[in-house]
PDB file of N, CA and C in Angstrom:
ATOM      1  N   MET A   1       0.828  -1.209   0.000  1.00  0.00           N
ATOM      2  CA  MET A   1       0.000   0.000   0.000  1.00  0.00           C
ATOM      3  C   MET A   1       0.864   1.262   0.000  1.00  0.00           C
ATOM      4  N   ALA A   2       2.146   1.134   0.298  1.00  0.00           N
ATOM      5  CA  ALA A   2       3.028   2.306   0.347  1.00  0.00           C
ATOM      6  C   ALA A   2       3.086   3.019  -0.999  1.00  0.00           C
ATOM      7  N   GLY A   3       3.060   2.247  -2.073  1.00  0.00           N
ATOM      8  CA  GLY A   3       3.066   2.850  -3.405  1.00  0.00           C
ATOM      9  C   GLY A   3       1.893   3.783  -3.594  1.00  0.00           C
ATOM     10  N   SER A   4       0.758   3.397  -3.025  1.00  0.00           N
ATOM     11  CA  SER A   4      -0.452   4.200  -3.122  1.00  0.00           C
ATOM     12  C   SER A   4      -0.282   5.551  -2.422  1.00  0.00           C
ATOM     13  N   SER A   5       0.282   5.541  -1.221  1.00  0.00           N
ATOM     14  CA  SER A   5       0.471   6.808  -0.505  1.00  0.00           C
ATOM     15  C   SER A   5       1.553   7.653  -1.174  1.00  0.00           C
ATOM     16  N   ASP A   6       2.564   7.001  -1.758  1.00  0.00           N
ATOM     17  CA  ASP A   6       3.599   7.749  -2.479  1.00  0.00           C
ATOM     18  C   ASP A   6       3.016   8.440  -3.708  1.00  0.00           C
ATOM     19  N   GLN A   7       2.143   7.741  -4.420  1.00  0.00           N
ATOM     20  CA  GLN A   7       1.510   8.328  -5.604  1.00  0.00           C
ATOM     21  C   GLN A   7       0.589   9.469  -5.207  1.00  0.00           C
ATOM     22  N   LEU A   8      -0.164   9.273  -4.124  1.00  0.00           N
ATOM     23  CA  LEU A   8      -1.046  10.332  -3.636  1.00  0.00           C
ATOM     24  C   LEU A   8      -0.224  11.555  -3.226  1.00  0.00           C
ATOM     25  N   LEU A   9       0.917  11.330  -2.596  1.00  0.00           N
ATOM     26  CA  LEU A   9       1.797  12.437  -2.212  1.00  0.00           C
ATOM     27  C   LEU A   9       2.180  13.257  -3.441  1.00  0.00           C
ATOM     28  N   LYS A  10       2.577  12.574  -4.519  1.00  0.00           N
ATOM     29  CA  LYS A  10       2.948  13.279  -5.756  1.00  0.00           C
ATOM     30  C   LYS A  10       1.773  14.073  -6.312  1.00  0.00           C
ATOM     31  N   THR A  11       0.580  13.481  -6.266  1.00  0.00           N
ATOM     32  CA  THR A  11      -0.628  14.150  -6.752  1.00  0.00           C
ATOM     33  C   THR A  11      -0.881  15.434  -5.964  1.00  0.00           C
ATOM     34  N   VAL A  12      -0.754  15.346  -4.644  1.00  0.00           N
ATOM     35  CA  VAL A  12      -0.994  16.497  -3.770  1.00  0.00           C
ATOM     36  C   VAL A  12       0.050  17.599  -4.022  1.00  0.00           C
ATOM     37  N   ILE A  13       1.308  17.207  -4.122  1.00  0.00           N
ATOM     38  CA  ILE A  13       2.376  18.186  -4.371  1.00  0.00           C
ATOM     39  C   ILE A  13       2.153  18.887  -5.711  1.00  0.00           C
ATOM     40  N   ASN A  14       1.829  18.111  -6.749  1.00  0.00           N
ATOM     41  CA  ASN A  14       1.584  18.716  -8.064  1.00  0.00           C
ATOM     42  C   ASN A  14       0.418  19.689  -8.029  1.00  0.00           C
ATOM     43  N   ALA A  15      -0.651  19.333  -7.313  1.00  0.00           N
ATOM     44  CA  ALA A  15      -1.824  20.210  -7.213  1.00  0.00           C
ATOM     45  C   ALA A  15      -1.462  21.506  -6.486  1.00  0.00           C
ATOM     46  N   ALA A  16      -0.694  21.396  -5.406  1.00  0.00           N
ATOM     47  CA  ALA A  16      -0.288  22.589  -4.653  1.00  0.00           C
ATOM     48  C   ALA A  16       0.613  23.480  -5.505  1.00  0.00           C
ATOM     49  N   GLU A  17       1.540  22.852  -6.227  1.00  0.00           N
ATOM     50  CA  GLU A  17       2.434  23.631  -7.089  1.00  0.00           C
ATOM     51  C   GLU A  17       1.657  24.321  -8.216  1.00  0.00           C
ATOM     52  N   GLU A  18       0.633  23.661  -8.718  1.00  0.00           N
ATOM     53  CA  GLU A  18      -0.209  24.220  -9.781  1.00  0.00           C
ATOM     54  C   GLU A  18      -0.815  25.563  -9.357  1.00  0.00           C
ATOM     55  N   LYS A  19      -1.125  25.695  -8.073  1.00  0.00           N
ATOM     56  CA  LYS A  19      -1.729  26.923  -7.543  1.00  0.00           C
ATOM     57  C   LYS A  19      -0.702  27.813  -6.839  1.00  0.00           C
ATOM     58  N   LYS A  20       0.573  27.581  -7.140  1.00  0.00           N
ATOM     59  CA  LYS A  20       1.674  28.432  -6.655  1.00  0.00           C
ATOM     60  C   LYS A  20       1.783  28.486  -5.134  1.00  0.00           C
ATOM     61  N   ALA A  21       1.631  27.330  -4.489  1.00  0.00           N
ATOM     62  CA  ALA A  21       1.799  27.256  -3.035  1.00  0.00           C
ATOM     63  C   ALA A  21       3.230  27.652  -2.668  1.00  0.00           C
ATOM     64  N   HIS A  22       3.374  28.302  -1.540  1.00  0.00           N
ATOM     65  CA  HIS A  22       4.686  28.769  -1.084  1.00  0.00           C
ATOM     66  C   HIS A  22       5.289  27.808  -0.063  1.00  0.00           C
ATOM     67  N   ASP A  23       6.629  27.703  -0.084  1.00  0.00           N
ATOM     68  CA  ASP A  23       7.397  26.914   0.895  1.00  0.00           C
ATOM     69  C   ASP A  23       6.790  25.530   1.126  1.00  0.00           C
ATOM     70  N   LEU A  24       6.648  24.803   0.060  1.00  0.00           N
ATOM     71  CA  LEU A  24       6.060  23.467   0.102  1.00  0.00           C
ATOM     72  C   LEU A  24       7.016  22.494   0.784  1.00  0.00           C
ATOM     73  N   VAL A  25       6.524  21.814   1.823  1.00  0.00           N
ATOM     74  CA  VAL A  25       7.312  20.840   2.570  1.00  0.00           C
ATOM     75  C   VAL A  25       6.485  19.566   2.683  1.00  0.00           C
ATOM     76  N   ALA A  26       7.118  18.434   2.460  1.00  0.00           N
ATOM     77  CA  ALA A  26       6.461  17.143   2.670  1.00  0.00           C
ATOM     78  C   ALA A  26       7.240  16.396   3.744  1.00  0.00           C
ATOM     79  N   LEU A  27       6.524  15.887   4.738  1.00  0.00           N
ATOM     80  CA  LEU A  27       7.143  15.156   5.839  1.00  0.00           C
ATOM     81  C   LEU A  27       6.705  13.701   5.812  1.00  0.00           C
ATOM     82  N   ASN A  28       7.661  12.792   5.919  1.00  0.00           N
ATOM     83  CA  ASN A  28       7.381  11.369   5.960  1.00  0.00           C
ATOM     84  C   ASN A  28       7.132  10.976   7.414  1.00  0.00           C
ATOM     85  N   LEU A  29       5.901  10.574   7.722  1.00  0.00           N
ATOM     86  CA  LEU A  29       5.523  10.219   9.091  1.00  0.00           C
ATOM     87  C   LEU A  29       5.464   8.716   9.312  1.00  0.00           C
ATOM     88  N   GLN A  30       5.847   7.936   8.309  1.00  0.00           N
ATOM     89  CA  GLN A  30       5.779   6.479   8.442  1.00  0.00           C
ATOM     90  C   GLN A  30       6.698   6.025   9.577  1.00  0.00           C
ATOM     91  N   GLY A  31       6.135   5.248  10.488  1.00  0.00           N
ATOM     92  CA  GLY A  31       6.896   4.775  11.644  1.00  0.00           C
ATOM     93  C   GLY A  31       6.946   5.786  12.779  1.00  0.00           C
ATOM     94  N   ILE A  32       6.392   6.979  12.572  1.00  0.00           N
ATOM     95  CA  ILE A  32       6.398   8.025  13.594  1.00  0.00           C
ATOM     96  C   ILE A  32       4.987   8.281  14.114  1.00  0.00           C
ATOM     97  N   SER A  33       4.013   8.236  13.204  1.00  0.00           N
ATOM     98  CA  SER A  33       2.640   8.552  13.560  1.00  0.00           C
ATOM     99  C   SER A  33       1.673   7.605  12.861  1.00  0.00           C
ATOM    100  N   LEU A  34       0.583   7.316  13.520  1.00  0.00           N
ATOM    101  CA  LEU A  34      -0.477   6.514  12.915  1.00  0.00           C
ATOM    102  C   LEU A  34      -1.483   7.407  12.192  1.00  0.00           C
ATOM    103  N   VAL A  35      -1.330   8.708  12.320  1.00  0.00           N
ATOM    104  CA  VAL A  35      -2.264   9.665  11.729  1.00  0.00           C
ATOM    105  C   VAL A  35      -2.254   9.586  10.207  1.00  0.00           C
ATOM    106  N   ALA A  36      -1.077   9.570   9.622  1.00  0.00           N
ATOM    107  CA  ALA A  36      -0.941   9.564   8.158  1.00  0.00           C
ATOM    108  C   ALA A  36       0.477   9.130   7.805  1.00  0.00           C
ATOM    109  N   ASP A  37       0.678   8.780   6.530  1.00  0.00           N
ATOM    110  CA  ASP A  37       2.033   8.472   6.055  1.00  0.00           C
ATOM    111  C   ASP A  37       2.816   9.749   5.769  1.00  0.00           C
ATOM    112  N   TYR A  38       2.104  10.762   5.262  1.00  0.00           N
ATOM    113  CA  TYR A  38       2.756  12.016   4.885  1.00  0.00           C
ATOM    114  C   TYR A  38       1.921  13.219   5.291  1.00  0.00           C
ATOM    115  N   PHE A  39       2.603  14.276   5.677  1.00  0.00           N
ATOM    116  CA  PHE A  39       2.014  15.604   5.804  1.00  0.00           C
ATOM    117  C   PHE A  39       2.600  16.456   4.692  1.00  0.00           C
ATOM    118  N   VAL A  40       1.769  17.216   4.044  1.00  0.00           N
ATOM    119  CA  VAL A  40       2.227  18.237   3.108  1.00  0.00           C
ATOM    120  C   VAL A  40       1.852  19.567   3.741  1.00  0.00           C
ATOM    121  N   ILE A  41       2.826  20.454   3.852  1.00  0.00           N
ATOM    122  CA  ILE A  41       2.613  21.746   4.494  1.00  0.00           C
ATOM    123  C   ILE A  41       3.014  22.832   3.496  1.00  0.00           C
ATOM    124  N   CYS A  42       2.152  23.819   3.350  1.00  0.00           N
ATOM    125  CA  CYS A  42       2.459  24.946   2.466  1.00  0.00           C
ATOM    126  C   CYS A  42       1.618  26.134   2.909  1.00  0.00           C
ATOM    127  N   HIS A  43       1.829  27.253   2.244  1.00  0.00           N
ATOM    128  CA  HIS A  43       0.987  28.405   2.567  1.00  0.00           C
ATOM    129  C   HIS A  43       0.685  29.234   1.330  1.00  0.00           C
ATOM    130  N   GLY A  44      -0.358  30.033   1.492  1.00  0.00           N
ATOM    131  CA  GLY A  44      -0.731  31.009   0.488  1.00  0.00           C
ATOM    132  C   GLY A  44      -0.646  32.386   1.102  1.00  0.00           C
ATOM    133  N   ASN A  45      -0.570  33.407   0.258  1.00  0.00           N
ATOM    134  CA  ASN A  45      -0.429  34.778   0.764  1.00  0.00           C
ATOM    135  C   ASN A  45      -1.752  35.508   0.931  1.00  0.00           C
ATOM    136  N   SER A  46      -2.852  34.850   0.580  1.00  0.00           N
ATOM    137  CA  SER A  46      -4.174  35.463   0.746  1.00  0.00           C
ATOM    138  C   SER A  46      -5.190  34.360   1.004  1.00  0.00           C
ATOM    139  N   ASP A  47      -6.360  34.748   1.533  1.00  0.00           N
ATOM    140  CA  ASP A  47      -7.430  33.774   1.746  1.00  0.00           C
ATOM    141  C   ASP A  47      -7.796  33.099   0.432  1.00  0.00           C
ATOM    142  N   THR A  48      -7.846  33.882  -0.636  1.00  0.00           N
ATOM    143  CA  THR A  48      -8.205  33.359  -1.950  1.00  0.00           C
ATOM    144  C   THR A  48      -7.217  32.294  -2.405  1.00  0.00           C
ATOM    145  N   GLN A  49      -5.928  32.548  -2.220  1.00  0.00           N
ATOM    146  CA  GLN A  49      -4.924  31.574  -2.641  1.00  0.00           C
ATOM    147  C   GLN A  49      -4.990  30.309  -1.780  1.00  0.00           C
ATOM    148  N   VAL A  50      -5.187  30.454  -0.484  1.00  0.00           N
ATOM    149  CA  VAL A  50      -5.306  29.302   0.411  1.00  0.00           C
ATOM    150  C   VAL A  50      -6.459  28.411  -0.051  1.00  0.00           C
ATOM    151  N   LEU A  51      -7.607  29.018  -0.323  1.00  0.00           N
ATOM    152  CA  LEU A  51      -8.779  28.252  -0.764  1.00  0.00           C
ATOM    153  C   LEU A  51      -8.543  27.623  -2.134  1.00  0.00           C
ATOM    154  N   SER A  52      -7.858  28.326  -3.010  1.00  0.00           N
ATOM    155  CA  SER A  52      -7.554  27.818  -4.342  1.00  0.00           C
ATOM    156  C   SER A  52      -6.658  26.576  -4.266  1.00  0.00           C
ATOM    157  N   ILE A  53      -5.648  26.618  -3.416  1.00  0.00           N
ATOM    158  CA  ILE A  53      -4.745  25.475  -3.231  1.00  0.00           C
ATOM    159  C   ILE A  53      -5.534  24.280  -2.678  1.00  0.00           C
ATOM    160  N   ALA A  54      -6.335  24.524  -1.640  1.00  0.00           N
ATOM    161  CA  ALA A  54      -7.114  23.447  -1.015  1.00  0.00           C
ATOM    162  C   ALA A  54      -8.096  22.829  -2.007  1.00  0.00           C
ATOM    163  N   THR A  55      -8.751  23.653  -2.796  1.00  0.00           N
ATOM    164  CA  THR A  55      -9.715  23.166  -3.778  1.00  0.00           C
ATOM    165  C   THR A  55      -9.039  22.319  -4.842  1.00  0.00           C
ATOM    166  N   GLU A  56      -7.873  22.759  -5.314  1.00  0.00           N
ATOM    167  CA  GLU A  56      -7.137  22.009  -6.331  1.00  0.00           C
ATOM    168  C   GLU A  56      -6.684  20.649  -5.792  1.00  0.00           C
ATOM    169  N   ILE A  57      -6.200  20.619  -4.555  1.00  0.00           N
ATOM    170  CA  ILE A  57      -5.786  19.357  -3.941  1.00  0.00           C
ATOM    171  C   ILE A  57      -6.988  18.423  -3.813  1.00  0.00           C
ATOM    172  N   ARG A  58      -8.100  18.957  -3.326  1.00  0.00           N
ATOM    173  CA  ARG A  58      -9.309  18.134  -3.170  1.00  0.00           C
ATOM    174  C   ARG A  58      -9.756  17.557  -4.503  1.00  0.00           C
ATOM    175  N   LYS A  59      -9.837  18.411  -5.517  1.00  0.00           N
ATOM    176  CA  LYS A  59     -10.310  17.968  -6.836  1.00  0.00           C
ATOM    177  C   LYS A  59      -9.412  16.879  -7.420  1.00  0.00           C
ATOM    178  N   THR A  60      -8.109  17.088  -7.380  1.00  0.00           N
ATOM    179  CA  THR A  60      -7.206  16.111  -7.991  1.00  0.00           C
ATOM    180  C   THR A  60      -7.188  14.797  -7.206  1.00  0.00           C
ATOM    181  N   ALA A  61      -7.280  14.864  -5.886  1.00  0.00           N
ATOM    182  CA  ALA A  61      -7.312  13.638  -5.076  1.00  0.00           C
ATOM    183  C   ALA A  61      -8.602  12.864  -5.334  1.00  0.00           C
ATOM    184  N   GLU A  62      -9.721  13.559  -5.421  1.00  0.00           N
ATOM    185  CA  GLU A  62     -10.986  12.887  -5.694  1.00  0.00           C
ATOM    186  C   GLU A  62     -10.984  12.272  -7.098  1.00  0.00           C
ATOM    187  N   MET A  63     -10.409  12.983  -8.068  1.00  0.00           N
ATOM    188  CA  MET A  63     -10.330  12.443  -9.430  1.00  0.00           C
ATOM    189  C   MET A  63      -9.466  11.181  -9.463  1.00  0.00           C
ATOM    190  N   ALA A  64      -8.508  11.084  -8.549  1.00  0.00           N
ATOM    191  CA  ALA A  64      -7.645   9.897  -8.469  1.00  0.00           C
ATOM    192  C   ALA A  64      -8.301   8.789  -7.636  1.00  0.00           C
ATOM    193  N   GLY A  65      -9.530   9.034  -7.162  1.00  0.00           N
ATOM    194  CA  GLY A  65     -10.288   7.998  -6.460  1.00  0.00           C
ATOM    195  C   GLY A  65     -10.147   7.975  -4.950  1.00  0.00           C
ATOM    196  N   HIS A  66      -9.618   9.048  -4.366  1.00  0.00           N
ATOM    197  CA  HIS A  66      -9.432   9.091  -2.911  1.00  0.00           C
ATOM    198  C   HIS A  66     -10.599   9.792  -2.230  1.00  0.00           C
ATOM    199  N   ASN A  67     -10.943   9.319  -1.031  1.00  0.00           N
ATOM    200  CA  ASN A  67     -11.922  10.015  -0.209  1.00  0.00           C
ATOM    201  C   ASN A  67     -11.222  11.214   0.428  1.00  0.00           C
ATOM    202  N   VAL A  68     -11.908  12.344   0.442  1.00  0.00           N
ATOM    203  CA  VAL A  68     -11.297  13.571   0.942  1.00  0.00           C
ATOM    204  C   VAL A  68     -12.215  14.201   1.982  1.00  0.00           C
ATOM    205  N   ARG A  69     -11.617  14.586   3.093  1.00  0.00           N
ATOM    206  CA  ARG A  69     -12.326  15.354   4.116  1.00  0.00           C
ATOM    207  C   ARG A  69     -11.588  16.677   4.247  1.00  0.00           C
ATOM    208  N   ILE A  70     -12.341  17.761   4.306  1.00  0.00           N
ATOM    209  CA  ILE A  70     -11.696  19.081   4.327  1.00  0.00           C
ATOM    210  C   ILE A  70     -12.264  19.902   5.477  1.00  0.00           C
ATOM    211  N   GLU A  71     -11.391  20.603   6.171  1.00  0.00           N
ATOM    212  CA  GLU A  71     -11.802  21.444   7.302  1.00  0.00           C
ATOM    213  C   GLU A  71     -11.102  22.789   7.218  1.00  0.00           C
ATOM    214  N   GLY A  72     -11.766  23.825   7.706  1.00  0.00           N
ATOM    215  CA  GLY A  72     -11.145  25.137   7.816  1.00  0.00           C
ATOM    216  C   GLY A  72     -11.390  26.070   6.643  1.00  0.00           C
ATOM    217  N   GLN A  73     -12.216  25.660   5.688  1.00  0.00           N
ATOM    218  CA  GLN A  73     -12.457  26.516   4.529  1.00  0.00           C
ATOM    219  C   GLN A  73     -13.210  27.795   4.886  1.00  0.00           C
ATOM    220  N   ASP A  74     -13.973  27.731   5.968  1.00  0.00           N
ATOM    221  CA  ASP A  74     -14.759  28.911   6.344  1.00  0.00           C
ATOM    222  C   ASP A  74     -13.886  30.101   6.730  1.00  0.00           C
ATOM    223  N   THR A  75     -12.706  29.838   7.312  1.00  0.00           N
ATOM    224  CA  THR A  75     -11.839  30.946   7.709  1.00  0.00           C
ATOM    225  C   THR A  75     -10.649  31.138   6.772  1.00  0.00           C
ATOM    226  N   ALA A  76     -10.262  30.073   6.065  1.00  0.00           N
ATOM    227  CA  ALA A  76      -9.124  30.111   5.119  1.00  0.00           C
ATOM    228  C   ALA A  76      -7.819  30.532   5.792  1.00  0.00           C
ATOM    229  N   ARG A  77      -7.676  30.244   7.069  1.00  0.00           N
ATOM    230  CA  ARG A  77      -6.429  30.557   7.778  1.00  0.00           C
ATOM    231  C   ARG A  77      -5.565  29.310   7.914  1.00  0.00           C
ATOM    232  N   TRP A  78      -6.216  28.164   8.093  1.00  0.00           N
ATOM    233  CA  TRP A  78      -5.542  26.869   8.135  1.00  0.00           C
ATOM    234  C   TRP A  78      -6.536  25.856   7.599  1.00  0.00           C
ATOM    235  N   VAL A  79      -6.349  25.444   6.374  1.00  0.00           N
ATOM    236  CA  VAL A  79      -7.250  24.474   5.762  1.00  0.00           C
ATOM    237  C   VAL A  79      -6.556  23.119   5.783  1.00  0.00           C
ATOM    238  N   LEU A  80      -7.273  22.131   6.295  1.00  0.00           N
ATOM    239  CA  LEU A  80      -6.748  20.783   6.390  1.00  0.00           C
ATOM    240  C   LEU A  80      -7.482  19.925   5.366  1.00  0.00           C
ATOM    241  N   VAL A  81      -6.715  19.279   4.493  1.00  0.00           N
ATOM    242  CA  VAL A  81      -7.287  18.380   3.494  1.00  0.00           C
ATOM    243  C   VAL A  81      -6.800  16.977   3.850  1.00  0.00           C
ATOM    244  N   ASP A  82      -7.708  16.168   4.374  1.00  0.00           N
ATOM    245  CA  ASP A  82      -7.371  14.832   4.870  1.00  0.00           C
ATOM    246  C   ASP A  82      -7.767  13.790   3.827  1.00  0.00           C
ATOM    247  N   MET A  83      -6.772  13.108   3.292  1.00  0.00           N
ATOM    248  CA  MET A  83      -6.995  12.064   2.288  1.00  0.00           C
ATOM    249  C   MET A  83      -6.573  10.703   2.831  1.00  0.00           C
ATOM    250  N   GLY A  84      -6.534  10.571   4.149  1.00  0.00           N
ATOM    251  CA  GLY A  84      -6.151   9.300   4.766  1.00  0.00           C
ATOM    252  C   GLY A  84      -4.645   9.188   4.918  1.00  0.00           C
ATOM    253  N   ASP A  85      -3.984   8.617   3.900  1.00  0.00           N
ATOM    254  CA  ASP A  85      -2.533   8.413   3.971  1.00  0.00           C
ATOM    255  C   ASP A  85      -1.746   9.718   3.870  1.00  0.00           C
ATOM    256  N   VAL A  86      -2.358  10.723   3.262  1.00  0.00           N
ATOM    257  CA  VAL A  86      -1.707  12.022   3.096  1.00  0.00           C
ATOM    258  C   VAL A  86      -2.647  13.102   3.640  1.00  0.00           C
ATOM    259  N   VAL A  87      -2.093  13.976   4.468  1.00  0.00           N
ATOM    260  CA  VAL A  87      -2.848  15.100   5.006  1.00  0.00           C
ATOM    261  C   VAL A  87      -2.125  16.381   4.596  1.00  0.00           C
ATOM    262  N   ALA A  88      -2.867  17.265   3.928  1.00  0.00           N
ATOM    263  CA  ALA A  88      -2.287  18.543   3.503  1.00  0.00           C
ATOM    264  C   ALA A  88      -2.748  19.639   4.453  1.00  0.00           C
ATOM    265  N   HIS A  89      -1.807  20.465   4.863  1.00  0.00           N
ATOM    266  CA  HIS A  89      -2.079  21.621   5.714  1.00  0.00           C
ATOM    267  C   HIS A  89      -1.764  22.857   4.879  1.00  0.00           C
ATOM    268  N   ILE A  90      -2.793  23.627   4.552  1.00  0.00           N
ATOM    269  CA  ILE A  90      -2.578  24.839   3.772  1.00  0.00           C
ATOM    270  C   ILE A  90      -2.861  26.018   4.693  1.00  0.00           C
ATOM    271  N   PHE A  91      -1.824  26.752   4.981  1.00  0.00           N
ATOM    272  CA  PHE A  91      -1.922  27.872   5.920  1.00  0.00           C
ATOM    273  C   PHE A  91      -1.985  29.200   5.176  1.00  0.00           C
ATOM    274  N   HIS A  92      -2.551  30.186   5.855  1.00  0.00           N
ATOM    275  CA  HIS A  92      -2.311  31.567   5.475  1.00  0.00           C
ATOM    276  C   HIS A  92      -0.922  31.869   6.028  1.00  0.00           C
ATOM    277  N   ARG A  93      -0.132  32.651   5.327  1.00  0.00           N
ATOM    278  CA  ARG A  93       1.267  32.890   5.699  1.00  0.00           C
ATOM    279  C   ARG A  93       1.447  33.175   7.188  1.00  0.00           C
ATOM    280  N   ASP A  94       0.637  34.058   7.773  1.00  0.00           N
ATOM    281  CA  ASP A  94       0.791  34.437   9.186  1.00  0.00           C
ATOM    282  C   ASP A  94       0.565  33.258  10.125  1.00  0.00           C
ATOM    283  N   GLU A  95      -0.430  32.435   9.822  1.00  0.00           N
ATOM    284  CA  GLU A  95      -0.731  31.286  10.677  1.00  0.00           C
ATOM    285  C   GLU A  95       0.377  30.236  10.601  1.00  0.00           C
ATOM    286  N   ARG A  96       0.959  30.088   9.438  1.00  0.00           N
ATOM    287  CA  ARG A  96       2.019  29.079   9.300  1.00  0.00           C
ATOM    288  C   ARG A  96       3.178  29.389  10.239  1.00  0.00           C
ATOM    289  N   GLU A  97       3.578  30.631  10.303  1.00  0.00           N
ATOM    290  CA  GLU A  97       4.675  31.020  11.187  1.00  0.00           C
ATOM    291  C   GLU A  97       4.303  30.770  12.649  1.00  0.00           C
ATOM    292  N   TYR A  98       3.035  31.002  12.985  1.00  0.00           N
ATOM    293  CA  TYR A  98       2.576  30.834  14.360  1.00  0.00           C
ATOM    294  C   TYR A  98       2.576  29.362  14.776  1.00  0.00           C
ATOM    295  N   TYR A  99       2.003  28.499  13.950  1.00  0.00           N
ATOM    296  CA  TYR A  99       1.862  27.083  14.317  1.00  0.00           C
ATOM    297  C   TYR A  99       3.122  26.259  14.073  1.00  0.00           C
ATOM    298  N   HIS A 100       3.893  26.588  13.087  1.00  0.00           N
ATOM    299  CA  HIS A 100       5.183  25.969  12.766  1.00  0.00           C
ATOM    300  C   HIS A 100       5.149  24.443  12.914  1.00  0.00           C
ATOM    301  N   LEU A 101       4.286  23.789  12.125  1.00  0.00           N
ATOM    302  CA  LEU A 101       4.146  22.330  12.193  1.00  0.00           C
ATOM    303  C   LEU A 101       5.445  21.587  11.923  1.00  0.00           C
ATOM    304  N   GLU A 102       6.305  22.170  11.090  1.00  0.00           N
ATOM    305  CA  GLU A 102       7.569  21.504  10.794  1.00  0.00           C
ATOM    306  C   GLU A 102       8.378  21.277  12.066  1.00  0.00           C
ATOM    307  N   ARG A 103       8.318  22.207  12.980  1.00  0.00           N
ATOM    308  CA  ARG A 103       9.047  22.062  14.247  1.00  0.00           C
ATOM    309  C   ARG A 103       8.349  21.024  15.132  1.00  0.00           C
ATOM    310  N   LEU A 104       7.035  21.068  15.147  1.00  0.00           N
ATOM    311  CA  LEU A 104       6.252  20.136  15.957  1.00  0.00           C
ATOM    312  C   LEU A 104       6.517  18.688  15.543  1.00  0.00           C
ATOM    313  N   TRP A 105       6.693  18.466  14.237  1.00  0.00           N
ATOM    314  CA  TRP A 105       6.949  17.127  13.702  1.00  0.00           C
ATOM    315  C   TRP A 105       8.413  16.985  13.279  1.00  0.00           C
ATOM    316  N   SER A 106       9.318  17.518  14.073  1.00  0.00           N
ATOM    317  CA  SER A 106      10.732  17.536  13.706  1.00  0.00           C
ATOM    318  C   SER A 106      11.356  16.137  13.628  1.00  0.00           C
ATOM    319  N   ASP A 107      10.701  15.116  14.212  1.00  0.00           N
ATOM    320  CA  ASP A 107      11.195  13.739  14.104  1.00  0.00           C
ATOM    321  C   ASP A 107      11.031  13.193  12.692  1.00  0.00           C
ATOM    322  N   ALA A 108      10.101  13.774  11.941  1.00  0.00           N
ATOM    323  CA  ALA A 108       9.809  13.276  10.591  1.00  0.00           C
ATOM    324  C   ALA A 108      10.884  13.758   9.605  1.00  0.00           C
ATOM    325  N   LYS A 109      11.195  12.892   8.653  1.00  0.00           N
ATOM    326  CA  LYS A 109      12.149  13.260   7.612  1.00  0.00           C
ATOM    327  C   LYS A 109      11.432  14.031   6.507  1.00  0.00           C
ATOM    328  N   ALA A 110      12.083  15.079   6.036  1.00  0.00           N
ATOM    329  CA  ALA A 110      11.525  15.818   4.899  1.00  0.00           C
ATOM    330  C   ALA A 110      11.695  14.979   3.642  1.00  0.00           C
ATOM    331  N   VAL A 111      10.689  14.997   2.801  1.00  0.00           N
ATOM    332  CA  VAL A 111      10.731  14.297   1.518  1.00  0.00           C
ATOM    333  C   VAL A 111      11.226  15.285   0.487  1.00  0.00           C
ATOM    334  N   GLU A 112      12.172  14.846  -0.322  1.00  0.00           N
ATOM    335  CA  GLU A 112      12.698  15.736  -1.360  1.00  0.00           C
ATOM    336  C   GLU A 112      11.635  15.937  -2.430  1.00  0.00           C
ATOM    337  N   ILE A 113      11.351  17.182  -2.715  1.00  0.00           N
ATOM    338  CA  ILE A 113      10.348  17.523  -3.729  1.00  0.00           C
ATOM    339  C   ILE A 113      11.078  17.909  -5.009  1.00  0.00           C
ATOM    340  N   VAL A 114      10.810  17.155  -6.058  1.00  0.00           N
ATOM    341  CA  VAL A 114      11.478  17.421  -7.341  1.00  0.00           C
ATOM    342  C   VAL A 114      10.492  17.846  -8.393  1.00  0.00           C
TER     343      VAL A 114
END
């Protein structure tokens, strides 16, 4: 099943890049957390961009056959797109600095994004 989460990770990264997400980071949580295999963390510079990134990720994941749960669209400050094996966190720039998930999950290895 790892191949499936790896492919989903690529799908999510491509969708975020399509909408010009900033400071895209992918963390490998396998063996560290039961929550997900990967976290994708990025931010947008406006509410509109945050929502655009989240919508693109949701659409592409659903088109690939994944169930998607989304939270935080009402405020567009921290939108969470949960696809099971991969969870995307799309922050508004200010919130990202405040929550600093990369530090919170510092045990996780960063995945090289190419």
